[in-house]
C-alpha atoms as a PDB file:
ATOM      1  CA  MET A   1    -131.572-105.169 -94.112  1.00  0.00           C
ATOM      2  CA  PHE A   2    -128.306-106.807 -95.084  1.00  0.00           C
ATOM      3  CA  SER A   3    -127.342-107.016 -98.738  1.00  0.00           C
ATOM      4  CA  SER A   4    -125.755-110.469 -98.757  1.00  0.00           C
ATOM      5  CA  HIS A   5    -127.558-113.221-100.663  1.00  0.00           C
ATOM      6  CA  ASP A   6    -128.476-115.068 -97.448  1.00  0.00           C
ATOM      7  CA  GLY A   7    -129.541-111.975 -95.482  1.00  0.00           C
ATOM      8  CA  LEU A   8    -126.700-112.388 -92.978  1.00  0.00           C
ATOM      9  CA  CYS A   9    -123.752-110.113 -92.231  1.00  0.00           C
ATOM     10  CA  THR A  10    -120.216-110.389 -90.996  1.00  0.00           C
ATOM     11  CA  ILE A  11    -119.047-109.253 -87.571  1.00  0.00           C
ATOM     12  CA  GLY A  12    -117.452-106.200 -89.182  1.00  0.00           C
ATOM     13  CA  GLU A  13    -120.664-105.233 -90.963  1.00  0.00           C
ATOM     14  CA  LEU A  14    -122.705-105.641 -87.779  1.00  0.00           C
ATOM     15  CA  ALA A  15    -120.232-103.543 -85.816  1.00  0.00           C
ATOM     16  CA  GLU A  16    -120.289-100.789 -88.457  1.00  0.00           C
ATOM     17  CA  TYR A  17    -124.079-100.816 -88.670  1.00  0.00           C
ATOM     18  CA  ALA A  18    -124.449-100.616 -84.882  1.00  0.00           C
ATOM     19  CA  GLY A  19    -121.691 -98.057 -84.444  1.00  0.00           C
ATOM     20  CA  VAL A  20    -119.518-100.153 -82.149  1.00  0.00           C
ATOM     21  CA  SER A  21    -116.156-101.841 -82.459  1.00  0.00           C
ATOM     22  CA  VAL A  22    -115.630-105.375 -83.691  1.00  0.00           C
ATOM     23  CA  LYS A  23    -114.062-106.110 -80.300  1.00  0.00           C
ATOM     24  CA  THR A  24    -117.335-105.159 -78.586  1.00  0.00           C
ATOM     25  CA  VAL A  25    -119.409-107.450 -80.807  1.00  0.00           C
ATOM     26  CA  ARG A  26    -116.938-110.286 -80.260  1.00  0.00           C
ATOM     27  CA  PHE A  27    -117.076-109.763 -76.469  1.00  0.00           C
ATOM     28  CA  TYR A  28    -120.876-110.084 -76.371  1.00  0.00           C
ATOM     29  CA  SER A  29    -120.801-113.032 -78.752  1.00  0.00           C
ATOM     30  CA  ASP A  30    -118.182-114.891 -76.752  1.00  0.00           C
ATOM     31  CA  GLY A  31    -120.238-114.255 -73.618  1.00  0.00           C
ATOM     32  CA  GLY A  32    -123.331-115.805 -75.159  1.00  0.00           C
ATOM     33  CA  LEU A  33    -125.322-112.558 -75.212  1.00  0.00           C
ATOM     34  CA  LEU A  34    -125.273-112.178 -78.981  1.00  0.00           C
ATOM     35  CA  PRO A  35    -125.660-115.554 -80.709  1.00  0.00           C
ATOM     36  CA  GLU A  36    -124.269-116.109 -84.184  1.00  0.00           C
ATOM     37  CA  ALA A  37    -126.584-117.303 -86.934  1.00  0.00           C
ATOM     38  CA  SER A  38    -123.879-119.387 -88.563  1.00  0.00           C
ATOM     39  CA  ARG A  39    -120.222-119.497 -89.594  1.00  0.00           C
ATOM     40  CA  SER A  40    -118.855-119.022 -93.060  1.00  0.00           C
ATOM     41  CA  ALA A  41    -116.805-121.694 -94.819  1.00  0.00           C
ATOM     42  CA  GLY A  42    -113.731-119.872 -93.547  1.00  0.00           C
ATOM     43  CA  GLY A  43    -115.004-119.925 -89.957  1.00  0.00           C
ATOM     44  CA  HIS A  44    -116.094-116.279 -89.819  1.00  0.00           C
ATOM     45  CA  ARG A  45    -119.095-115.295 -87.732  1.00  0.00           C
ATOM     46  CA  ARG A  46    -122.360-114.457 -89.473  1.00  0.00           C
ATOM     47  CA  TYR A  47    -125.281-112.640 -87.840  1.00  0.00           C
ATOM     48  CA  ALA A  48    -128.989-112.433 -88.621  1.00  0.00           C
ATOM     49  CA  PRO A  49    -130.820-109.057 -88.977  1.00  0.00           C
ATOM     50  CA  GLU A  50    -132.355-109.351 -85.494  1.00  0.00           C
ATOM     51  CA  ALA A  51    -128.830-109.166 -84.060  1.00  0.00           C
ATOM     52  CA  VAL A  52    -128.914-105.393 -84.654  1.00  0.00           C
ATOM     53  CA  GLU A  53    -131.890-104.908 -82.329  1.00  0.00           C
ATOM     54  CA  ARG A  54    -130.445-107.323 -79.775  1.00  0.00           C
ATOM     55  CA  LEU A  55    -127.102-105.535 -79.819  1.00  0.00           C
ATOM     56  CA  GLY A  56    -128.921-102.227 -79.343  1.00  0.00           C
ATOM     57  CA  LEU A  57    -130.748-103.608 -76.294  1.00  0.00           C
ATOM     58  CA  ILE A  58    -127.488-104.903 -74.846  1.00  0.00           C
ATOM     59  CA  ARG A  59    -125.851-101.515 -75.292  1.00  0.00           C
ATOM     60  CA  SER A  60    -128.815 -99.728 -73.704  1.00  0.00           C
ATOM     61  CA  LEU A  61    -128.792-101.998 -70.669  1.00  0.00           C
ATOM     62  CA  ARG A  62    -125.044-101.692 -70.280  1.00  0.00           C
ATOM     63  CA  GLY A  63    -125.281 -97.939 -70.775  1.00  0.00           C
ATOM     64  CA  LEU A  64    -127.574 -97.801 -67.728  1.00  0.00           C
ATOM     65  CA  GLY A  65    -124.882 -99.550 -65.743  1.00  0.00           C
ATOM     66  CA  LEU A  66    -126.502-102.977 -65.483  1.00  0.00           C
ATOM     67  CA  PRO A  67    -123.908-105.713 -64.976  1.00  0.00           C
ATOM     68  CA  VAL A  68    -123.499-108.397 -67.618  1.00  0.00           C
ATOM     69  CA  ALA A  69    -125.204-110.997 -65.404  1.00  0.00           C
ATOM     70  CA  ASP A  70    -128.367-108.860 -65.224  1.00  0.00           C
ATOM     71  CA  VAL A  71    -128.250-108.217 -68.968  1.00  0.00           C
ATOM     72  CA  ARG A  72    -128.070-111.959 -69.541  1.00  0.00           C
ATOM     73  CA  ARG A  73    -131.141-112.574 -67.380  1.00  0.00           C
ATOM     74  CA  VAL A  74    -133.127-109.907 -69.230  1.00  0.00           C
ATOM     75  CA  LEU A  75    -132.182-111.384 -72.601  1.00  0.00           C
ATOM     76  CA  ASP A  76    -132.971-114.925 -71.482  1.00  0.00           C
ATOM     77  CA  GLU A  77    -136.420-113.820 -70.320  1.00  0.00           C
ATOM     78  CA  GLN A  78    -136.947-111.909 -73.548  1.00  0.00           C
ATOM     79  CA  ASP A  79    -136.123-115.057 -75.515  1.00  0.00           C
ATOM     80  CA  ALA A  80    -138.691-116.863 -73.367  1.00  0.00           C
ATOM     81  CA  GLY A  81    -141.293-114.221 -74.223  1.00  0.00           C
ATOM     82  CA  ASP A  82    -141.457-112.120 -71.037  1.00  0.00           C
ATOM     83  CA  ALA A  83    -138.669-109.834 -69.827  1.00  0.00           C
ATOM     84  CA  ALA A  84    -140.762-107.250 -67.967  1.00  0.00           C
ATOM     85  CA  ASP A  85    -140.367-108.617 -64.418  1.00  0.00           C
ATOM     86  CA  VAL A  86    -136.674-109.358 -64.794  1.00  0.00           C
ATOM     87  CA  LEU A  87    -135.994-105.936 -66.319  1.00  0.00           C
ATOM     88  CA  GLU A  88    -137.883-104.187 -63.523  1.00  0.00           C
ATOM     89  CA  ALA A  89    -135.952-106.129 -60.870  1.00  0.00           C
ATOM     90  CA  ALA A  90    -132.644-105.369 -62.592  1.00  0.00           C
ATOM     91  CA  VAL A  91    -133.431-101.651 -62.812  1.00  0.00           C
ATOM     92  CA  ASP A  92    -134.557-101.556 -59.180  1.00  0.00           C
ATOM     93  CA  GLY A  93    -131.345-103.264 -58.127  1.00  0.00           C
ATOM     94  CA  ARG A  94    -129.244-100.815 -60.103  1.00  0.00           C
ATOM     95  CA  LEU A  95    -131.117 -97.872 -58.565  1.00  0.00           C
ATOM     96  CA  ARG A  96    -130.329 -99.189 -55.087  1.00  0.00           C
ATOM     97  CA  VAL A  97    -126.650 -99.485 -55.967  1.00  0.00           C
ATOM     98  CA  LEU A  98    -126.577 -95.981 -57.422  1.00  0.00           C
ATOM     99  CA  GLY A  99    -128.351 -94.619 -54.359  1.00  0.00           C
ATOM    100  CA  SER A 100    -125.676 -96.109 -52.121  1.00  0.00           C
ATOM    101  CA  GLU A 101    -122.925 -94.769 -54.359  1.00  0.00           C
ATOM    102  CA  LEU A 102    -124.455 -91.289 -54.346  1.00  0.00           C
ATOM    103  CA  ARG A 103    -124.761 -91.322 -50.553  1.00  0.00           C
ATOM    104  CA  ALA A 104    -121.113 -92.345 -50.335  1.00  0.00           C
ATOM    105  CA  LEU A 105    -120.072 -89.520 -52.672  1.00  0.00           C
ATOM    106  CA  ARG A 106    -122.069 -86.920 -50.756  1.00  0.00           C
ATOM    107  CA  TRP A 107    -120.596 -88.173 -47.488  1.00  0.00           C
ATOM    108  CA  ARG A 108    -117.044 -88.030 -48.890  1.00  0.00           C
ATOM    109  CA  GLU A 109    -117.653 -84.551 -50.263  1.00  0.00           C
ATOM    110  CA  ALA A 110    -118.758 -83.252 -46.858  1.00  0.00           C
ATOM    111  CA  ALA A 111    -115.827 -85.037 -45.158  1.00  0.00           C
ATOM    112  CA  LEU A 112    -113.357 -83.468 -47.580  1.00  0.00           C
ATOM    113  CA  GLN A 113    -114.858 -80.051 -46.897  1.00  0.00           C
ATOM    114  CA  LEU A 114    -114.310 -80.665 -43.175  1.00  0.00           C
ATOM    115  CA  VAL A 115    -110.640 -81.404 -43.724  1.00  0.00           C
ATOM    116  CA  ARG A 116    -110.169 -78.510 -46.138  1.00  0.00           C
ATOM    117  CA  ASP A 117    -111.894 -75.903 -43.988  1.00  0.00           C
ATOM    118  CA  CYS A 118    -110.348 -76.656 -40.586  1.00  0.00           C
ATOM    119  CA  PRO A 119    -107.135 -74.936 -39.386  1.00  0.00           C
ATOM    120  CA  GLN A 120    -104.040 -76.491 -40.881  1.00  0.00           C
ATOM    121  CA  GLU A 121    -102.674 -77.676 -37.530  1.00  0.00           C
ATOM    122  CA  GLU A 122    -105.931 -79.579 -36.889  1.00  0.00           C
ATOM    123  CA  ARG A 123    -106.071 -81.337 -40.243  1.00  0.00           C
ATOM    124  CA  PRO A 124    -104.170 -84.536 -39.328  1.00  0.00           C
ATOM    125  CA  ALA A 125    -106.462 -85.195 -36.351  1.00  0.00           C
ATOM    126  CA  ARG A 126    -109.568 -84.252 -38.337  1.00  0.00           C
ATOM    127  CA  LEU A 127    -108.490 -86.537 -41.170  1.00  0.00           C
ATOM    128  CA  ARG A 128    -108.017 -89.482 -38.793  1.00  0.00           C
ATOM    129  CA  LEU A 129    -111.390 -88.808 -37.192  1.00  0.00           C
ATOM    130  CA  VAL A 130    -113.509 -88.674 -40.352  1.00  0.00           C
ATOM    131  CA  GLY A 131    -111.365 -91.229 -42.178  1.00  0.00           C
ATOM    132  CA  ALA A 132    -112.237 -93.885 -39.588  1.00  0.00           C
ATOM    133  CA  VAL A 133    -115.877 -93.796 -40.728  1.00  0.00           C
ATOM    134  CA  ALA A 134    -116.927 -95.708 -43.834  1.00  0.00           C
ATOM    135  CA  ALA A 135    -118.760 -93.957 -46.657  1.00  0.00           C
ATOM    136  CA  PRO A 136    -121.681 -94.273 -46.633  1.00  0.00           C
ATOM    137  CA  PRO A 137    -121.405 -94.745 -42.864  1.00  0.00           C
ATOM    138  CA  SER A 138    -122.618 -97.801 -40.999  1.00  0.00           C
ATOM    139  CA  THR A 139    -124.431 -97.710 -37.660  1.00  0.00           C
ATOM    140  CA  ALA A 140    -123.163-101.170 -36.676  1.00  0.00           C
ATOM    141  CA  ALA A 141    -120.745 -99.772 -34.067  1.00  0.00           C
ATOM    142  CA  LEU A 142    -123.568 -97.789 -32.448  1.00  0.00           C
ATOM    143  CA  VAL A 143    -125.752-100.891 -32.320  1.00  0.00           C
ATOM    144  CA  ARG A 144    -122.926-102.889 -30.701  1.00  0.00           C
ATOM    145  CA  PHE A 145    -122.463-100.119 -28.134  1.00  0.00           C
ATOM    146  CA  TRP A 146    -126.100-100.279 -27.066  1.00  0.00           C
ATOM    147  CA  ARG A 147    -126.261-104.057 -27.060  1.00  0.00           C
ATOM    148  CA  ALA A 148    -123.364-104.037 -24.573  1.00  0.00           C
ATOM    149  CA  TRP A 149    -125.023-101.282 -22.524  1.00  0.00           C
ATOM    150  CA  LEU A 150    -128.528-102.734 -22.293  1.00  0.00           C
ATOM    151  CA  PRO A 151    -129.419-105.512 -19.832  1.00  0.00           C
ATOM    152  CA  ALA A 152    -128.004-108.810 -21.032  1.00  0.00           C
ATOM    153  CA  ARG A 153    -131.341-110.634 -20.712  1.00  0.00           C
ATOM    154  CA  MET A 154    -133.458-107.957 -22.316  1.00  0.00           C
ATOM    155  CA  PRO A 155    -135.947-109.444 -24.840  1.00  0.00           C
ATOM    156  CA  ALA A 156    -135.014-109.009 -28.498  1.00  0.00           C
ATOM    157  CA  ARG A 157    -138.216-107.118 -29.315  1.00  0.00           C
ATOM    158  CA  ALA A 158    -137.529-104.587 -26.559  1.00  0.00           C
ATOM    159  CA  VAL A 159    -133.933-104.212 -27.717  1.00  0.00           C
ATOM    160  CA  GLY A 160    -135.068-103.580 -31.280  1.00  0.00           C
ATOM    161  CA  ALA A 161    -137.605-100.978 -30.190  1.00  0.00           C
ATOM    162  CA  PHE A 162    -134.962 -99.133 -28.181  1.00  0.00           C
ATOM    163  CA  LEU A 163    -132.373 -99.254 -30.984  1.00  0.00           C
ATOM    164  CA  ASP A 164    -134.907 -97.717 -33.362  1.00  0.00           C
ATOM    165  CA  VAL A 165    -134.952 -94.520 -31.313  1.00  0.00           C
ATOM    166  CA  ALA A 166    -131.418 -94.576 -29.856  1.00  0.00           C
ATOM    167  CA  VAL A 167    -129.375 -95.094 -33.035  1.00  0.00           C
ATOM    168  CA  PRO A 168    -129.447 -92.071 -35.369  1.00  0.00           C
ATOM    169  CA  GLN A 169    -129.490 -92.801 -39.079  1.00  0.00           C
ATOM    170  CA  PRO A 170    -126.836 -90.800 -40.964  1.00  0.00           C
ATOM    171  CA  PRO A 171    -128.434 -88.273 -43.346  1.00  0.00           C
ATOM    172  CA  ASP A 172    -128.281 -89.079 -47.062  1.00  0.00           C
ATOM    173  CA  ASP A 173    -127.120 -85.570 -47.927  1.00  0.00           C
ATOM    174  CA  PRO A 174    -125.141 -84.473 -44.871  1.00  0.00           C
ATOM    175  CA  ARG A 175    -123.776 -81.087 -43.995  1.00  0.00           C
ATOM    176  CA  PRO A 176    -120.107 -81.085 -42.947  1.00  0.00           C
ATOM    177  CA  ALA A 177    -121.149 -80.493 -39.324  1.00  0.00           C
ATOM    178  CA  GLN A 178    -123.275 -83.662 -39.393  1.00  0.00           C
ATOM    179  CA  VAL A 179    -120.384 -85.698 -40.771  1.00  0.00           C
ATOM    180  CA  LEU A 180    -118.161 -84.371 -37.986  1.00  0.00           C
ATOM    181  CA  ALA A 181    -120.792 -85.195 -35.352  1.00  0.00           C
ATOM    182  CA  PHE A 182    -121.214 -88.746 -36.643  1.00  0.00           C
ATOM    183  CA  ALA A 183    -117.446 -89.266 -36.759  1.00  0.00           C
ATOM    184  CA  ARG A 184    -117.201 -88.091 -33.148  1.00  0.00           C
ATOM    185  CA  LEU A 185    -120.122 -90.332 -32.224  1.00  0.00           C
ATOM    186  CA  TYR A 186    -118.345 -93.290 -33.843  1.00  0.00           C
ATOM    187  CA  ALA A 187    -115.186 -92.465 -31.892  1.00  0.00           C
ATOM    188  CA  PHE A 188    -117.248 -92.210 -28.687  1.00  0.00           C
ATOM    189  CA  VAL A 189    -118.846 -95.650 -29.002  1.00  0.00           C
ATOM    190  CA  THR A 190    -115.637 -97.407 -30.063  1.00  0.00           C
ATOM    191  CA  ARG A 191    -113.492 -96.126 -27.190  1.00  0.00           C
ATOM    192  CA  PRO A 192    -112.825 -98.382 -24.175  1.00  0.00           C
ATOM    193  CA  CYS A 193    -115.693 -98.648 -21.693  1.00  0.00           C
ATOM    194  CA  GLY A 194    -115.593 -95.843 -19.164  1.00  0.00           C
ATOM    195  CA  GLY A 195    -113.628 -93.546 -21.493  1.00  0.00           C
ATOM    196  CA  SER A 196    -110.098 -94.365 -20.331  1.00  0.00           C
ATOM    197  CA  GLY A 197    -110.892 -97.980 -19.583  1.00  0.00           C
ATOM    198  CA  GLY A 198    -111.884 -97.487 -15.944  1.00  0.00           C
ATOM    199  CA  GLY A 199    -115.132 -96.902 -14.137  1.00  0.00           C
ATOM    200  CA  PRO A 200    -118.501 -98.648 -14.326  1.00  0.00           C
ATOM    201  CA  CYS A 201    -120.315 -98.953 -17.645  1.00  0.00           C
ATOM    202  CA  GLN A 202    -123.711-100.241 -16.617  1.00  0.00           C
ATOM    203  CA  PRO A 203    -126.484 -98.410 -14.738  1.00  0.00           C
ATOM    204  CA  ARG A 204    -127.250-100.148 -11.460  1.00  0.00           C
ATOM    205  CA  ALA A 205    -130.851-100.645 -12.586  1.00  0.00           C
ATOM    206  CA  HIS A 206    -129.591-103.225 -15.061  1.00  0.00           C
ATOM    207  CA  SER A 207    -128.170-105.460 -12.360  1.00  0.00           C
ATOM    208  CA  ALA A 208    -131.675-105.977 -10.983  1.00  0.00           C
ATOM    209  CA  ALA A 209    -133.277-106.597 -14.360  1.00  0.00           C
ATOM    210  CA  GLY A 210    -134.013-110.065 -15.583  1.00  0.00           C
ATOM    211  CA  ALA A 211    -135.764-110.736 -18.884  1.00  0.00           C
ATOM    212  CA  ARG A 212    -139.207-109.676 -17.674  1.00  0.00           C
ATOM    213  CA  GLU A 213    -137.964-106.763 -15.574  1.00  0.00           C
ATOM    214  CA  SER A 214    -135.829-105.310 -18.364  1.00  0.00           C
ATOM    215  CA  ALA A 215    -138.789-105.411 -20.735  1.00  0.00           C
ATOM    216  CA  VAL A 216    -140.936-103.625 -18.143  1.00  0.00           C
ATOM    217  CA  LEU A 217    -138.204-101.068 -17.452  1.00  0.00           C
ATOM    218  CA  TYR A 218    -137.558-100.053 -21.045  1.00  0.00           C
ATOM    219  CA  ALA A 219    -141.201-100.161 -22.082  1.00  0.00           C
ATOM    220  CA  GLY A 220    -142.007 -97.820 -19.199  1.00  0.00           C
ATOM    221  CA  LEU A 221    -139.028 -95.581 -19.976  1.00  0.00           C
ATOM    222  CA  ALA A 222    -140.028 -95.381 -23.648  1.00  0.00           C
ATOM    223  CA  THR A 223    -143.491 -94.146 -22.661  1.00  0.00           C
ATOM    224  CA  ALA A 224    -142.051 -91.649 -20.172  1.00  0.00           C
ATOM    225  CA  TYR A 225    -139.516 -90.360 -22.713  1.00  0.00           C
ATOM    226  CA  ASP A 226    -142.272 -89.911 -25.274  1.00  0.00           C
ATOM    227  CA  LEU A 227    -144.373 -87.926 -22.815  1.00  0.00           C
ATOM    228  CA  ALA A 228    -141.366 -85.847 -21.768  1.00  0.00           C
ATOM    229  CA  GLY A 229    -140.538 -85.232 -25.432  1.00  0.00           C
ATOM    230  CA  GLY A 230    -143.995 -83.772 -25.932  1.00  0.00           C
ATOM    231  CA  GLU A 231    -143.424 -81.432 -22.982  1.00  0.00           C
ATOM    232  CA  MET A 232    -140.033 -80.425 -24.367  1.00  0.00           C
ATOM    233  CA  ARG A 233    -141.476 -79.626 -27.785  1.00  0.00           C
ATOM    234  CA  ARG A 234    -143.939 -77.294 -26.084  1.00  0.00           C
ATOM    235  CA  GLY A 235    -141.073 -75.600 -24.276  1.00  0.00           C
ATOM    236  CA  ALA A 236    -142.218 -76.731 -20.837  1.00  0.00           C
ATOM    237  CA  GLU A 237    -139.755 -76.568 -17.964  1.00  0.00           C
ATOM    238  CA  PRO A 238    -139.057 -79.878 -16.166  1.00  0.00           C
ATOM    239  CA  ARG A 239    -141.915 -80.462 -13.744  1.00  0.00           C
ATOM    240  CA  PRO A 240    -143.839 -83.226 -11.977  1.00  0.00           C
ATOM    241  CA  GLY A 241    -146.658 -84.799 -13.912  1.00  0.00           C
ATOM    242  CA  GLU A 242    -147.627 -87.839 -15.956  1.00  0.00           C
ATOM    243  CA  ALA A 243    -144.218 -88.154 -17.613  1.00  0.00           C
ATOM    244  CA  LEU A 244    -142.354 -88.159 -14.301  1.00  0.00           C
ATOM    245  CA  ASP A 245    -144.840 -90.559 -12.706  1.00  0.00           C
ATOM    246  CA  GLY A 246    -144.331 -93.025 -15.566  1.00  0.00           C
ATOM    247  CA  PHE A 247    -140.563 -92.604 -15.347  1.00  0.00           C
ATOM    248  CA  VAL A 248    -140.458 -93.396 -11.626  1.00  0.00           C
ATOM    249  CA  ASP A 249    -142.966 -96.220 -11.987  1.00  0.00           C
ATOM    250  CA  ALA A 250    -140.761 -97.912 -14.614  1.00  0.00           C
ATOM    251  CA  TYR A 251    -137.971 -98.197 -12.048  1.00  0.00           C
ATOM    252  CA  ALA A 252    -140.322 -99.100  -9.193  1.00  0.00           C
ATOM    253  CA  SER A 253    -141.791-101.934 -11.259  1.00  0.00           C
ATOM    254  CA  THR A 254    -138.294-103.182 -12.092  1.00  0.00           C
ATOM    255  CA  TYR A 255    -137.339-103.308  -8.412  1.00  0.00           C
ATOM    256  CA  GLY A 256    -140.684-104.780  -7.375  1.00  0.00           C
ATOM    257  CA  THR A 257    -141.493-101.919  -5.046  1.00  0.00           C
ATOM    258  CA  ARG A 258    -143.874 -98.971  -4.742  1.00  0.00           C
ATOM    259  CA  ASP A 259    -143.534 -95.370  -5.818  1.00  0.00           C
ATOM    260  CA  THR A 260    -143.086 -93.563  -2.487  1.00  0.00           C
ATOM    261  CA  PRO A 261    -141.271 -90.368  -1.445  1.00  0.00           C
ATOM    262  CA  GLY A 262    -138.475 -92.491  -0.024  1.00  0.00           C
ATOM    263  CA  PHE A 263    -138.128 -94.461  -3.249  1.00  0.00           C
ATOM    264  CA  ARG A 264    -138.001 -91.267  -5.277  1.00  0.00           C
ATOM    265  CA  ARG A 265    -135.190 -89.926  -3.114  1.00  0.00           C
ATOM    266  CA  ARG A 266    -133.219 -93.168  -3.465  1.00  0.00           C
ATOM    267  CA  LEU A 267    -133.855 -93.255  -7.225  1.00  0.00           C
ATOM    268  CA  ALA A 268    -132.668 -89.678  -7.666  1.00  0.00           C
ATOM    269  CA  GLY A 269    -129.450 -90.478  -5.829  1.00  0.00           C
ATOM    270  CA  GLN A 270    -128.869 -93.647  -7.790  1.00  0.00           C
ATOM    271  CA  LEU A 271    -129.483 -92.053 -11.173  1.00  0.00           C
ATOM    272  CA  ALA A 272    -127.196 -89.153 -10.274  1.00  0.00           C
ATOM    273  CA  ALA A 273    -124.412 -91.660  -9.526  1.00  0.00           C
ATOM    274  CA  ASP A 274    -124.982 -93.878 -12.566  1.00  0.00           C
ATOM    275  CA  PRO A 275    -122.584 -93.697 -15.547  1.00  0.00           C
ATOM    276  CA  ARG A 276    -123.375 -90.817 -17.890  1.00  0.00           C
ATOM    277  CA  ILE A 277    -123.353 -90.899 -21.659  1.00  0.00           C
ATOM    278  CA  ASP A 278    -124.501 -87.331 -22.225  1.00  0.00           C
ATOM    279  CA  ARG A 279    -121.964 -86.910 -24.998  1.00  0.00           C
ATOM    280  CA  TYR A 280    -123.685 -89.633 -27.003  1.00  0.00           C
ATOM    281  CA  TRP A 281    -126.987 -87.764 -26.937  1.00  0.00           C
ATOM    282  CA  GLU A 282    -125.366 -84.399 -27.669  1.00  0.00           C
ATOM    283  CA  LEU A 283    -123.723 -85.831 -30.769  1.00  0.00           C
ATOM    284  CA  THR A 284    -126.906 -87.670 -31.754  1.00  0.00           C
ATOM    285  CA  ALA A 285    -128.772 -84.356 -31.760  1.00  0.00           C
ATOM    286  CA  GLU A 286    -126.041 -82.870 -33.963  1.00  0.00           C
ATOM    287  CA  VAL A 287    -126.230 -85.799 -36.399  1.00  0.00           C
ATOM    288  CA  LEU A 288    -129.993 -85.391 -36.683  1.00  0.00           C
ATOM    289  CA  GLY A 289    -129.386 -81.665 -37.160  1.00  0.00           C
ATOM    290  CA  ALA A 290    -132.871 -80.139 -37.077  1.00  0.00           C
ATOM    291  CA  PRO A 291    -132.850 -77.345 -39.708  1.00  0.00           C
ATOM    292  CA  ASP A 292    -135.008 -75.060 -37.539  1.00  0.00           C
ATOM    293  CA  GLY A 293    -132.375 -74.996 -34.831  1.00  0.00           C
ATOM    294  CA  HIS A 294    -134.635 -76.818 -32.344  1.00  0.00           C
ATOM    295  CA  PRO A 295    -133.299 -80.382 -32.053  1.00  0.00           C
ATOM    296  CA  GLU A 296    -135.788 -83.191 -31.742  1.00  0.00           C
ATOM    297  CA  PRO A 297    -135.829 -84.687 -28.228  1.00  0.00           C
ATOM    298  CA  THR A 298    -133.767 -87.850 -27.853  1.00  0.00           C
ATOM    299  CA  PRO A 299    -134.066 -90.506 -25.125  1.00  0.00           C
ATOM    300  CA  GLY A 300    -131.028 -88.876 -23.516  1.00  0.00           C
ATOM    301  CA  THR A 301    -132.395 -85.341 -23.436  1.00  0.00           C
ATOM    302  CA  ALA A 302    -135.786 -86.658 -22.293  1.00  0.00           C
ATOM    303  CA  HIS A 303    -134.024 -88.597 -19.525  1.00  0.00           C
ATOM    304  CA  ASP A 304    -132.251 -85.431 -18.375  1.00  0.00           C
ATOM    305  CA  TRP A 305    -135.541 -83.489 -18.444  1.00  0.00           C
ATOM    306  CA  LEU A 306    -137.118 -86.148 -16.250  1.00  0.00           C
ATOM    307  CA  LEU A 307    -134.196 -86.125 -13.823  1.00  0.00           C
ATOM    308  CA  GLU A 308    -134.593 -82.370 -13.470  1.00  0.00           C
ATOM    309  CA  ALA A 309    -138.322 -82.873 -12.953  1.00  0.00           C
ATOM    310  CA  LEU A 310    -137.578 -85.433 -10.246  1.00  0.00           C
ATOM    311  CA  ASP A 311    -135.151 -83.054  -8.533  1.00  0.00           C
ATOM    312  CA  SER A 312    -137.730 -80.276  -8.767  1.00  0.00           C
ATOM    313  CA  HIS A 313    -140.374 -82.514  -7.222  1.00  0.00           C
ATOM    314  CA  LEU A 314    -138.086 -83.530  -4.356  1.00  0.00           C
ATOM    315  CA  SER A 315    -137.025 -79.960  -3.659  1.00  0.00           C
ATOM    316  CA  THR A 316    -140.643 -78.790  -3.374  1.00  0.00           C
ATOM    317  CA  GLY A 317    -141.725 -81.770  -1.310  1.00  0.00           C
ATOM    318  CA  CYS A 318    -144.826 -82.496  -3.424  1.00  0.00           C
ATOM    319  CA  PRO A 319    -146.796 -85.525  -2.151  1.00  0.00           C
ATOM    320  CA  VAL A 320    -146.613 -88.753  -4.108  1.00  0.00           C
ATOM    321  CA  GLU A 321    -149.647 -90.881  -4.729  1.00  0.00           C
ATOM    322  CA  ARG A 322    -148.910 -94.314  -3.325  1.00  0.00           C
ATOM    323  CA  ARG A 323    -149.399 -96.909  -6.007  1.00  0.00           C
ATOM    324  CA  VAL A 324    -149.235-100.670  -6.001  1.00  0.00           C
ATOM    325  CA  ARG A 325    -146.885-102.216  -8.512  1.00  0.00           C
ATOM    326  CA  ARG A 326    -148.785-103.204 -11.648  1.00  0.00           C
END
């Protein structure tokens, strides 16, 4: 390939053959990615013919955005006779990084559209609101909010199951309205407890819940919310039935009592007086942004449906089957 008597070439010849600068070849050589075959009597670098292919591989890997450290690992494995696994891992890692970068760019684009399209007098406040959220956004603040809200002794598995349904994942390709909803949701969960710093933050049911009771409560609520969600998807009005029975039984089991008409009246009064976080669920529905205009039920909207069903039951005076705590 090379015309010199020993089949080697200078750094300048290699750079010209490969179509890169001498500085580039020197950089890869100094970094140990492109070994020299020897040095001339004057101390000049000399390269073997296989350096052309190796330099081409280095340029291809770098052209795909792989960092030098990953390129080095691929080359080391190639020298050892097997680079397939390392190359696949490096490409997968780069794809994950690019995916995160693309999500961040799409989020920033939608946020910029929000600022551009709002009335001029609202832009400073809008900018502060959306600028407080990282891109791509993190749900860590939402998780912290719920961990402070849930019973302190609630088992980790039950907490995780609840967080899976209560914390909305930001869309990868958001519409401006979804970015605005998430920014407002972030502001909601990072404000002082009780909004202005006053008022209770915990439902009274939590004060009665130890580790076992909290697990029973939220497992029962999850089942009731799921049943209520099915009713909501069918367009059913809030009404007594299996969903409401499970909802009431979750609280009865927590308190160690029975589901009776008297208990239902006390429960309705207590839940009506408990702290409300309706705004969280409204914004969650906006973040999820169902394209058909019919938002997917959330634990919050299911809870409200069940409260209305309980009120409906109490107003009609329907009998309650007396059940022993399970």
